[in-house]
Amino acid sequence: MPQNLTSSISDQLMLAHATEFMHPNWSYTLSYGLYKKDTPTAVAKRLKASNGFKSFPVSGRPANFPKVGQFLPLTTATRNFNCTFLSQFSGSDGSEQWWGFRFNSTKNHIDGAGSWIKFTFVKSLHKGENKLYIVASIAKDRPAGMTHPAYIAGAKLMWYQFATNIKFDDKIMYTGRCG
């Protein structure tokens, strides 16, 4: 069956459909390749294991995978990234399988109220590739006075570390502050 531009979850994530956004000022989408062993199911199992959320490289994160509605007192480089855990999701459409989770910002978050970030682990059933996609919607035009390229550079560094932690089963882990 031929695929169109919106037939797979990875295409949808990369296109970042406007219907997903909650009145953002701007947004970004990043993706990172993972190893074949890093299927959405395997990643979910690792992150949900006791102390499994330690691979999430942001200060203030809980040791265990968050629960819906849980407040997360996240900080990086002394900046407030506090949010709440909104949900986790999973699915399959015959060409891909996915699992992920989403955080919503608090009113004091550097990105502003109404901002959110979504992490989705995707396995292509045809290509056998696994990827981590990050889509963020940011309400403030210049969080902490940063330009969009400067902000995205910090995000790339942070989420590259998350992908690296996933790839190496938390054997090599950065838990310091980026940005």
Foldseek 3Di string as FASTA:
>chain_A
DDDDQPQDPVSCQQVVDPVVADPFPDKDKDKDWADLCLAQVNLVVQQQPQLSVQLQQWPQADSHDDDAQDWGQTDFPNATQIWGWHDKDWDDDPQKTKIWTKTAGDCRHLLHHRKMKIWMWMAGPVVSIIMIMMMIGGRDCQRVNHHPVVVVVQVCVSVVSSSVCSRVVNPDHHRHHTD
